[in-house]
Amino acid sequence: MVKVPKANDPLGVCSIFDHDDLAITCPIRFRERWIVVEDAAGFFFPTDAKWTSLTEVPLKDQAGGKAGNLDLVLVSYDSHGKLVDYGALEIQAVYISGNVRRPFEHYMQNPVQNASMDWLKHPRADYLSSSRKRLAPQLLYKGGILRAWDKKLAVALHHGFFDTLPVLQGAEQSGADIAWLIYELRHDTPQDKYLLSRLKTVYTLFSETLEQITKAQVGDERAFLAELQSRLDEKLDNDNPPDAPLFQFGP
């Protein structure tokens, strides 16, 4: 849930309209009917396995430092309750840009009159920040540790988020390190509400995926050079003294 900090008047949003689609903004939204856990178990374990899930499991690095909590760890066990295998499930919602509270409070002043207000001018899904500031570090640190232990990782995310990622090279399920569990919110007419539904699963290898997601999308250097020239011209202008002194090597 996207929480707006206000102790005496809390507000949370699990999903927003983003253009003509929806965007899931809260990881709790993925827990509907716990289908995400069942889908992950199908990647981790054989069909006859006994398994359960554990939430918020701490993960430490070699020095004992905290590498973060794993959202969910699925564990399989034998008839005596002894651990047999495990895999980690990370759930990735999307950050938002813009303000949630102000448009909501405006709507609540007169819900009937404001029912048709233009929500599209307000909170937006910020997929770029979500991938750079959260998804990539999660893969790098948590995923790196799991990969070193030869354990599998499942990542659950909304299709709008996945569609903004670089094209990932697929792999066969049997040899994959990561399963991307991609969901959508489908409107159920009889119930008149949106239900979480898995759209597809994409299987990838860890090293190739990390390289693709963390690789910078290189732009045109000419625009950067033009910016440098403009800033240099301004700095050399006698009417605009530089912030720092000008330097020259040699006598």
C-alpha atoms as a PDB file:
ATOM      1  CA  MET A   1       0.000   0.000   0.000  1.00  0.00           C
ATOM      2  CA  VAL A   2       1.257   3.479  -0.794  1.00  0.00           C
ATOM      3  CA  LYS A   3       1.010   5.039   2.649  1.00  0.00           C
ATOM      4  CA  VAL A   4       0.558   8.739   3.172  1.00  0.00           C
ATOM      5  CA  PRO A   5       1.988   9.483   6.651  1.00  0.00           C
ATOM      6  CA  LYS A   6      -0.681  11.161   8.748  1.00  0.00           C
ATOM      7  CA  ALA A   7      -1.364   9.371  12.016  1.00  0.00           C
ATOM      8  CA  ASN A   8      -4.793  10.831  12.667  1.00  0.00           C
ATOM      9  CA  ASP A   9      -6.006  10.453   9.073  1.00  0.00           C
ATOM     10  CA  PRO A  10      -4.234   7.521   7.373  1.00  0.00           C
ATOM     11  CA  LEU A  11      -4.641   6.922   3.677  1.00  0.00           C
ATOM     12  CA  GLY A  12      -3.418   4.094   1.485  1.00  0.00           C
ATOM     13  CA  VAL A  13      -3.747   3.185  -2.171  1.00  0.00           C
ATOM     14  CA  CYS A  14      -3.157  -0.298  -3.590  1.00  0.00           C
ATOM     15  CA  SER A  15      -3.588   0.584  -7.275  1.00  0.00           C
ATOM     16  CA  ILE A  16      -4.139   3.607  -9.491  1.00  0.00           C
ATOM     17  CA  PHE A  17      -5.316   4.290 -13.017  1.00  0.00           C
ATOM     18  CA  ASP A  18      -2.356   5.035 -15.244  1.00  0.00           C
ATOM     19  CA  HIS A  19      -3.521   6.310 -18.641  1.00  0.00           C
ATOM     20  CA  ASP A  20      -5.802   3.549 -19.954  1.00  0.00           C
ATOM     21  CA  ASP A  21      -4.394   0.866 -17.695  1.00  0.00           C
ATOM     22  CA  LEU A  22      -4.012   0.126 -14.008  1.00  0.00           C
ATOM     23  CA  ALA A  23      -0.829   0.149 -11.958  1.00  0.00           C
ATOM     24  CA  ILE A  24      -0.340  -1.827  -8.753  1.00  0.00           C
ATOM     25  CA  THR A  25       1.290   0.458  -6.198  1.00  0.00           C
ATOM     26  CA  CYS A  26       1.244  -1.838  -3.151  1.00  0.00           C
ATOM     27  CA  PRO A  27       2.883  -5.271  -2.778  1.00  0.00           C
ATOM     28  CA  ILE A  28       0.007  -6.407  -0.542  1.00  0.00           C
ATOM     29  CA  ARG A  29      -2.268  -6.215  -3.604  1.00  0.00           C
ATOM     30  CA  PHE A  30      -0.471  -9.257  -4.985  1.00  0.00           C
ATOM     31  CA  ARG A  31      -1.643 -11.386  -2.039  1.00  0.00           C
ATOM     32  CA  GLU A  32      -5.161 -11.742  -3.410  1.00  0.00           C
ATOM     33  CA  ARG A  33      -6.126 -15.417  -2.998  1.00  0.00           C
ATOM     34  CA  TRP A  34      -2.373 -16.085  -2.601  1.00  0.00           C
ATOM     35  CA  ILE A  35      -2.155 -17.201  -6.209  1.00  0.00           C
ATOM     36  CA  VAL A  36       1.273 -15.576  -6.434  1.00  0.00           C
ATOM     37  CA  VAL A  37       2.627 -18.058  -3.893  1.00  0.00           C
ATOM     38  CA  GLU A  38       1.134 -21.036  -5.713  1.00  0.00           C
ATOM     39  CA  ASP A  39       2.612 -19.820  -9.006  1.00  0.00           C
ATOM     40  CA  ALA A  40       6.058 -19.461  -7.417  1.00  0.00           C
ATOM     41  CA  ALA A  41       5.842 -22.919  -5.865  1.00  0.00           C
ATOM     42  CA  GLY A  42       5.226 -24.368  -9.316  1.00  0.00           C
ATOM     43  CA  PHE A  43       8.618 -22.978 -10.362  1.00  0.00           C
ATOM     44  CA  PHE A  44      10.524 -24.023  -7.247  1.00  0.00           C
ATOM     45  CA  PHE A  45       9.225 -27.482  -6.417  1.00  0.00           C
ATOM     46  CA  PRO A  46       7.981 -30.708  -8.029  1.00  0.00           C
ATOM     47  CA  THR A  47       4.221 -31.142  -8.148  1.00  0.00           C
ATOM     48  CA  ASP A  48       4.150 -33.665  -5.285  1.00  0.00           C
ATOM     49  CA  ALA A  49       6.156 -31.530  -2.845  1.00  0.00           C
ATOM     50  CA  LYS A  50       4.892 -30.472   0.572  1.00  0.00           C
ATOM     51  CA  TRP A  51       5.560 -26.799   1.045  1.00  0.00           C
ATOM     52  CA  THR A  52       4.617 -23.647   2.900  1.00  0.00           C
ATOM     53  CA  SER A  53       5.638 -19.973   2.862  1.00  0.00           C
ATOM     54  CA  LEU A  54       7.440 -17.709   5.334  1.00  0.00           C
ATOM     55  CA  THR A  55       7.212 -13.912   5.203  1.00  0.00           C
ATOM     56  CA  GLU A  56       9.879 -11.236   5.669  1.00  0.00           C
ATOM     57  CA  VAL A  57      12.876 -13.536   6.100  1.00  0.00           C
ATOM     58  CA  PRO A  58      16.136 -11.626   6.822  1.00  0.00           C
ATOM     59  CA  LEU A  59      19.054 -12.206   4.465  1.00  0.00           C
ATOM     60  CA  LYS A  60      22.664 -11.500   5.489  1.00  0.00           C
ATOM     61  CA  ASP A  61      25.846 -11.126   3.498  1.00  0.00           C
ATOM     62  CA  GLN A  62      29.255 -12.703   4.187  1.00  0.00           C
ATOM     63  CA  ALA A  63      30.174 -10.095   6.797  1.00  0.00           C
ATOM     64  CA  GLY A  64      26.919 -10.612   8.640  1.00  0.00           C
ATOM     65  CA  GLY A  65      25.477  -7.360   7.378  1.00  0.00           C
ATOM     66  CA  LYS A  66      21.821  -7.171   6.491  1.00  0.00           C
ATOM     67  CA  ALA A  67      21.193  -7.512   2.761  1.00  0.00           C
ATOM     68  CA  GLY A  68      17.486  -6.936   3.291  1.00  0.00           C
ATOM     69  CA  ASN A  69      14.417  -9.044   3.933  1.00  0.00           C
ATOM     70  CA  LEU A  70      13.075 -11.521   1.419  1.00  0.00           C
ATOM     71  CA  ASP A  71       9.375 -10.827   0.901  1.00  0.00           C
ATOM     72  CA  LEU A  72       8.491 -14.511   0.947  1.00  0.00           C
ATOM     73  CA  VAL A  73      10.530 -17.686   1.175  1.00  0.00           C
ATOM     74  CA  LEU A  74       8.814 -20.879   0.083  1.00  0.00           C
ATOM     75  CA  VAL A  75      10.118 -23.987   1.818  1.00  0.00           C
ATOM     76  CA  SER A  76       9.487 -27.638   0.970  1.00  0.00           C
ATOM     77  CA  TYR A  77       9.753 -30.303   3.637  1.00  0.00           C
ATOM     78  CA  ASP A  78       9.591 -34.064   4.058  1.00  0.00           C
ATOM     79  CA  SER A  79       7.139 -36.199   6.063  1.00  0.00           C
ATOM     80  CA  HIS A  80       9.140 -35.477   9.236  1.00  0.00           C
ATOM     81  CA  GLY A  81       9.006 -31.715   8.759  1.00  0.00           C
ATOM     82  CA  LYS A  82      12.660 -31.456   7.741  1.00  0.00           C
ATOM     83  CA  LEU A  83      13.587 -28.755   5.251  1.00  0.00           C
ATOM     84  CA  VAL A  84      14.223 -30.136   1.756  1.00  0.00           C
ATOM     85  CA  ASP A  85      14.485 -27.089  -0.509  1.00  0.00           C
ATOM     86  CA  TYR A  86      13.547 -23.429  -0.746  1.00  0.00           C
ATOM     87  CA  GLY A  87      13.157 -20.518  -3.147  1.00  0.00           C
ATOM     88  CA  ALA A  88      12.580 -16.785  -2.688  1.00  0.00           C
ATOM     89  CA  LEU A  89       9.691 -14.704  -3.985  1.00  0.00           C
ATOM     90  CA  GLU A  90      10.104 -10.951  -4.357  1.00  0.00           C
ATOM     91  CA  ILE A  91       7.037  -8.802  -5.017  1.00  0.00           C
ATOM     92  CA  GLN A  92       7.587  -5.563  -6.919  1.00  0.00           C
ATOM     93  CA  ALA A  93       4.927  -2.870  -6.910  1.00  0.00           C
ATOM     94  CA  VAL A  94       5.530   0.495  -8.577  1.00  0.00           C
ATOM     95  CA  TYR A  95       6.418   3.848  -7.069  1.00  0.00           C
ATOM     96  CA  ILE A  96       4.196   6.805  -7.841  1.00  0.00           C
ATOM     97  CA  SER A  97       4.973  10.405  -8.642  1.00  0.00           C
ATOM     98  CA  GLY A  98       2.545  13.103  -7.622  1.00  0.00           C
ATOM     99  CA  ASN A  99       0.285  13.560  -4.625  1.00  0.00           C
ATOM    100  CA  VAL A 100      -2.311  10.997  -3.533  1.00  0.00           C
ATOM    101  CA  ARG A 101      -3.946  12.791  -0.627  1.00  0.00           C
ATOM    102  CA  ARG A 102      -4.996  16.064  -2.256  1.00  0.00           C
ATOM    103  CA  PRO A 103      -7.048  14.567  -5.113  1.00  0.00           C
ATOM    104  CA  PHE A 104      -8.571  11.991  -2.774  1.00  0.00           C
ATOM    105  CA  GLU A 105      -9.632  14.630  -0.263  1.00  0.00           C
ATOM    106  CA  HIS A 106     -11.063  16.719  -3.086  1.00  0.00           C
ATOM    107  CA  TYR A 107     -13.057  13.721  -4.264  1.00  0.00           C
ATOM    108  CA  MET A 108     -14.354  12.986  -0.763  1.00  0.00           C
ATOM    109  CA  GLN A 109     -15.686  16.533  -0.352  1.00  0.00           C
ATOM    110  CA  ASN A 110     -18.468  15.577  -2.766  1.00  0.00           C
ATOM    111  CA  PRO A 111     -18.126  12.037  -4.143  1.00  0.00           C
ATOM    112  CA  VAL A 112     -21.190  12.303  -6.367  1.00  0.00           C
ATOM    113  CA  GLN A 113     -20.254  15.609  -7.926  1.00  0.00           C
ATOM    114  CA  ASN A 114     -16.570  14.715  -8.214  1.00  0.00           C
ATOM    115  CA  ALA A 115     -17.086  11.164  -9.517  1.00  0.00           C
ATOM    116  CA  SER A 116     -16.063  12.215 -13.017  1.00  0.00           C
ATOM    117  CA  MET A 117     -13.017  14.259 -11.980  1.00  0.00           C
ATOM    118  CA  ASP A 118      -9.890  13.787 -14.080  1.00  0.00           C
ATOM    119  CA  TRP A 119      -7.683  11.567 -11.936  1.00  0.00           C
ATOM    120  CA  LEU A 120      -5.139  11.286 -14.744  1.00  0.00           C
ATOM    121  CA  LYS A 121      -3.706  14.675 -13.798  1.00  0.00           C
ATOM    122  CA  HIS A 122      -2.682  13.361 -10.404  1.00  0.00           C
ATOM    123  CA  PRO A 123      -0.569  10.364  -9.270  1.00  0.00           C
ATOM    124  CA  ARG A 124       1.396   8.633 -12.006  1.00  0.00           C
ATOM    125  CA  ALA A 125       3.228   5.331 -12.078  1.00  0.00           C
ATOM    126  CA  ASP A 126       6.991   5.933 -11.925  1.00  0.00           C
ATOM    127  CA  TYR A 127       8.341   2.781 -13.518  1.00  0.00           C
ATOM    128  CA  LEU A 128      11.822   4.178 -14.171  1.00  0.00           C
ATOM    129  CA  SER A 129      12.481   4.965 -10.514  1.00  0.00           C
ATOM    130  CA  SER A 130      10.962   1.652  -9.497  1.00  0.00           C
ATOM    131  CA  SER A 131      13.331  -0.358 -11.675  1.00  0.00           C
ATOM    132  CA  ARG A 132      16.462   1.678 -10.939  1.00  0.00           C
ATOM    133  CA  LYS A 133      15.978   2.290  -7.216  1.00  0.00           C
ATOM    134  CA  ARG A 134      14.320  -0.956  -6.164  1.00  0.00           C
ATOM    135  CA  LEU A 135      14.211  -3.771  -8.693  1.00  0.00           C
ATOM    136  CA  ALA A 136      17.839  -3.554  -9.854  1.00  0.00           C
ATOM    137  CA  PRO A 137      19.293  -3.364  -6.311  1.00  0.00           C
ATOM    138  CA  GLN A 138      17.053  -6.253  -5.222  1.00  0.00           C
ATOM    139  CA  LEU A 139      18.389  -8.408  -8.036  1.00  0.00           C
ATOM    140  CA  LEU A 140      21.967  -7.317  -7.434  1.00  0.00           C
ATOM    141  CA  TYR A 141      22.137  -7.949  -3.684  1.00  0.00           C
ATOM    142  CA  LYS A 142      19.443 -10.435  -2.733  1.00  0.00           C
ATOM    143  CA  GLY A 143      19.468 -12.186  -6.090  1.00  0.00           C
ATOM    144  CA  GLY A 144      23.250 -12.352  -6.100  1.00  0.00           C
ATOM    145  CA  ILE A 145      23.308 -14.150  -2.761  1.00  0.00           C
ATOM    146  CA  LEU A 146      20.619 -16.603  -3.805  1.00  0.00           C
ATOM    147  CA  ARG A 147      22.405 -17.285  -7.089  1.00  0.00           C
ATOM    148  CA  ALA A 148      25.633 -18.042  -5.224  1.00  0.00           C
ATOM    149  CA  TRP A 149      23.667 -20.561  -3.166  1.00  0.00           C
ATOM    150  CA  ASP A 150      22.228 -22.025  -6.383  1.00  0.00           C
ATOM    151  CA  LYS A 151      18.658 -21.177  -5.348  1.00  0.00           C
ATOM    152  CA  LYS A 152      15.859 -19.917  -7.536  1.00  0.00           C
ATOM    153  CA  LEU A 153      14.140 -16.548  -7.419  1.00  0.00           C
ATOM    154  CA  ALA A 154      10.633 -15.597  -8.508  1.00  0.00           C
ATOM    155  CA  VAL A 155       9.682 -11.971  -9.113  1.00  0.00           C
ATOM    156  CA  ALA A 156       6.016 -10.989  -9.144  1.00  0.00           C
ATOM    157  CA  LEU A 157       5.055  -7.730 -10.834  1.00  0.00           C
ATOM    158  CA  HIS A 158       2.294  -6.072 -12.796  1.00  0.00           C
ATOM    159  CA  HIS A 159       2.459  -6.317 -16.578  1.00  0.00           C
ATOM    160  CA  GLY A 160       2.767  -2.531 -16.903  1.00  0.00           C
ATOM    161  CA  PHE A 161       5.987  -2.658 -14.882  1.00  0.00           C
ATOM    162  CA  PHE A 162       7.398  -5.621 -16.813  1.00  0.00           C
ATOM    163  CA  ASP A 163       6.663  -3.964 -20.156  1.00  0.00           C
ATOM    164  CA  THR A 164       8.951  -1.044 -19.248  1.00  0.00           C
ATOM    165  CA  LEU A 165      11.952  -3.308 -18.629  1.00  0.00           C
ATOM    166  CA  PRO A 166      14.520  -4.072 -21.333  1.00  0.00           C
ATOM    167  CA  VAL A 167      13.712  -7.120 -23.425  1.00  0.00           C
ATOM    168  CA  LEU A 168      14.955 -10.081 -21.407  1.00  0.00           C
ATOM    169  CA  GLN A 169      16.433 -13.136 -23.055  1.00  0.00           C
ATOM    170  CA  GLY A 170      14.265 -16.120 -22.226  1.00  0.00           C
ATOM    171  CA  ALA A 171      15.364 -19.521 -20.991  1.00  0.00           C
ATOM    172  CA  GLU A 172      13.836 -22.951 -20.571  1.00  0.00           C
ATOM    173  CA  GLN A 173      11.940 -23.378 -17.317  1.00  0.00           C
ATOM    174  CA  SER A 174      14.038 -26.375 -16.278  1.00  0.00           C
ATOM    175  CA  GLY A 175      17.290 -24.402 -16.427  1.00  0.00           C
ATOM    176  CA  ALA A 176      16.071 -20.947 -15.414  1.00  0.00           C
ATOM    177  CA  ASP A 177      17.289 -19.043 -12.350  1.00  0.00           C
ATOM    178  CA  ILE A 178      14.446 -16.512 -12.300  1.00  0.00           C
ATOM    179  CA  ALA A 179      10.734 -16.777 -13.017  1.00  0.00           C
ATOM    180  CA  TRP A 180       9.007 -13.484 -13.783  1.00  0.00           C
ATOM    181  CA  LEU A 181       5.405 -13.905 -12.662  1.00  0.00           C
ATOM    182  CA  ILE A 182       3.492 -11.237 -14.551  1.00  0.00           C
ATOM    183  CA  TYR A 183      -0.011 -10.291 -13.441  1.00  0.00           C
ATOM    184  CA  GLU A 184      -2.842  -8.079 -14.530  1.00  0.00           C
ATOM    185  CA  LEU A 185      -6.023  -6.772 -12.905  1.00  0.00           C
ATOM    186  CA  ARG A 186      -9.024  -8.040 -14.839  1.00  0.00           C
ATOM    187  CA  HIS A 187     -12.442  -6.511 -14.319  1.00  0.00           C
ATOM    188  CA  ASP A 188     -14.979  -9.094 -13.206  1.00  0.00           C
ATOM    189  CA  THR A 189     -18.370  -7.881 -14.392  1.00  0.00           C
ATOM    190  CA  PRO A 190     -20.628  -9.951 -12.096  1.00  0.00           C
ATOM    191  CA  GLN A 191     -18.668  -8.841  -9.015  1.00  0.00           C
ATOM    192  CA  ASP A 192     -17.893  -5.389 -10.442  1.00  0.00           C
ATOM    193  CA  LYS A 193     -14.336  -5.445  -9.153  1.00  0.00           C
ATOM    194  CA  TYR A 194     -10.831  -6.096 -10.391  1.00  0.00           C
ATOM    195  CA  LEU A 195      -9.296  -9.509  -9.752  1.00  0.00           C
ATOM    196  CA  LEU A 196      -5.629 -10.421  -9.834  1.00  0.00           C
ATOM    197  CA  SER A 197      -4.802 -12.822 -12.650  1.00  0.00           C
ATOM    198  CA  ARG A 198      -1.491 -14.187 -13.918  1.00  0.00           C
ATOM    199  CA  LEU A 199      -0.948 -13.051 -17.483  1.00  0.00           C
ATOM    200  CA  LYS A 200       2.214 -15.005 -18.271  1.00  0.00           C
ATOM    201  CA  THR A 201       5.499 -16.296 -16.871  1.00  0.00           C
ATOM    202  CA  VAL A 202       8.901 -15.484 -18.355  1.00  0.00           C
ATOM    203  CA  TYR A 203      11.935 -17.592 -17.414  1.00  0.00           C
ATOM    204  CA  THR A 204      15.442 -16.118 -17.513  1.00  0.00           C
ATOM    205  CA  LEU A 205      19.018 -16.717 -16.402  1.00  0.00           C
ATOM    206  CA  PHE A 206      20.386 -14.572 -13.581  1.00  0.00           C
ATOM    207  CA  SER A 207      23.581 -13.151 -15.123  1.00  0.00           C
ATOM    208  CA  GLU A 208      21.980 -12.245 -18.455  1.00  0.00           C
ATOM    209  CA  THR A 209      19.000 -10.638 -16.718  1.00  0.00           C
ATOM    210  CA  LEU A 210      21.123  -8.541 -14.383  1.00  0.00           C
ATOM    211  CA  GLU A 211      23.232  -7.313 -17.302  1.00  0.00           C
ATOM    212  CA  GLN A 212      20.164  -6.257 -19.268  1.00  0.00           C
ATOM    213  CA  ILE A 213      18.381  -4.502 -16.416  1.00  0.00           C
ATOM    214  CA  THR A 214      21.422  -2.625 -15.092  1.00  0.00           C
ATOM    215  CA  LYS A 215      22.807  -1.656 -18.508  1.00  0.00           C
ATOM    216  CA  ALA A 216      22.389   2.044 -19.202  1.00  0.00           C
ATOM    217  CA  GLN A 217      20.350   3.066 -22.225  1.00  0.00           C
ATOM    218  CA  VAL A 218      23.023   5.132 -23.990  1.00  0.00           C
ATOM    219  CA  GLY A 219      21.800   8.371 -25.515  1.00  0.00           C
ATOM    220  CA  ASP A 220      23.287  10.613 -28.214  1.00  0.00           C
ATOM    221  CA  GLU A 221      26.611  12.061 -27.086  1.00  0.00           C
ATOM    222  CA  ARG A 222      26.131  15.117 -29.323  1.00  0.00           C
ATOM    223  CA  ALA A 223      23.506  16.542 -27.001  1.00  0.00           C
ATOM    224  CA  PHE A 224      25.871  16.126 -24.056  1.00  0.00           C
ATOM    225  CA  LEU A 225      28.716  17.798 -25.952  1.00  0.00           C
ATOM    226  CA  ALA A 226      26.443  20.704 -26.831  1.00  0.00           C
ATOM    227  CA  GLU A 227      25.587  21.110 -23.158  1.00  0.00           C
ATOM    228  CA  LEU A 228      29.293  21.077 -22.220  1.00  0.00           C
ATOM    229  CA  GLN A 229      30.111  23.663 -24.893  1.00  0.00           C
ATOM    230  CA  SER A 230      27.307  25.908 -23.726  1.00  0.00           C
ATOM    231  CA  ARG A 231      28.449  25.690 -20.114  1.00  0.00           C
ATOM    232  CA  LEU A 232      32.067  26.286 -21.167  1.00  0.00           C
ATOM    233  CA  ASP A 233      31.128  29.358 -23.206  1.00  0.00           C
ATOM    234  CA  GLU A 234      29.268  30.727 -20.200  1.00  0.00           C
ATOM    235  CA  LYS A 235      32.217  30.080 -17.901  1.00  0.00           C
ATOM    236  CA  LEU A 236      34.696  31.818 -20.205  1.00  0.00           C
ATOM    237  CA  ASP A 237      32.450  34.835 -20.578  1.00  0.00           C
ATOM    238  CA  ASN A 238      34.092  37.704 -18.698  1.00  0.00           C
ATOM    239  CA  ASP A 239      30.700  38.958 -17.665  1.00  0.00           C
ATOM    240  CA  ASN A 240      30.008  35.681 -15.844  1.00  0.00           C
ATOM    241  CA  PRO A 241      32.873  34.961 -13.437  1.00  0.00           C
ATOM    242  CA  PRO A 242      33.342  31.240 -12.781  1.00  0.00           C
ATOM    243  CA  ASP A 243      32.438  29.558  -9.500  1.00  0.00           C
ATOM    244  CA  ALA A 244      35.923  28.046  -9.381  1.00  0.00           C
ATOM    245  CA  PRO A 245      39.139  29.484 -10.820  1.00  0.00           C
ATOM    246  CA  LEU A 246      40.282  28.628 -14.349  1.00  0.00           C
ATOM    247  CA  PHE A 247      43.351  26.406 -14.550  1.00  0.00           C
ATOM    248  CA  GLN A 248      46.135  25.983 -17.098  1.00  0.00           C
ATOM    249  CA  PHE A 249      49.019  23.489 -17.050  1.00  0.00           C
ATOM    250  CA  GLY A 250      52.525  24.623 -17.783  1.00  0.00           C
ATOM    251  CA  PRO A 251      54.300  27.947 -17.312  1.00  0.00           C
END
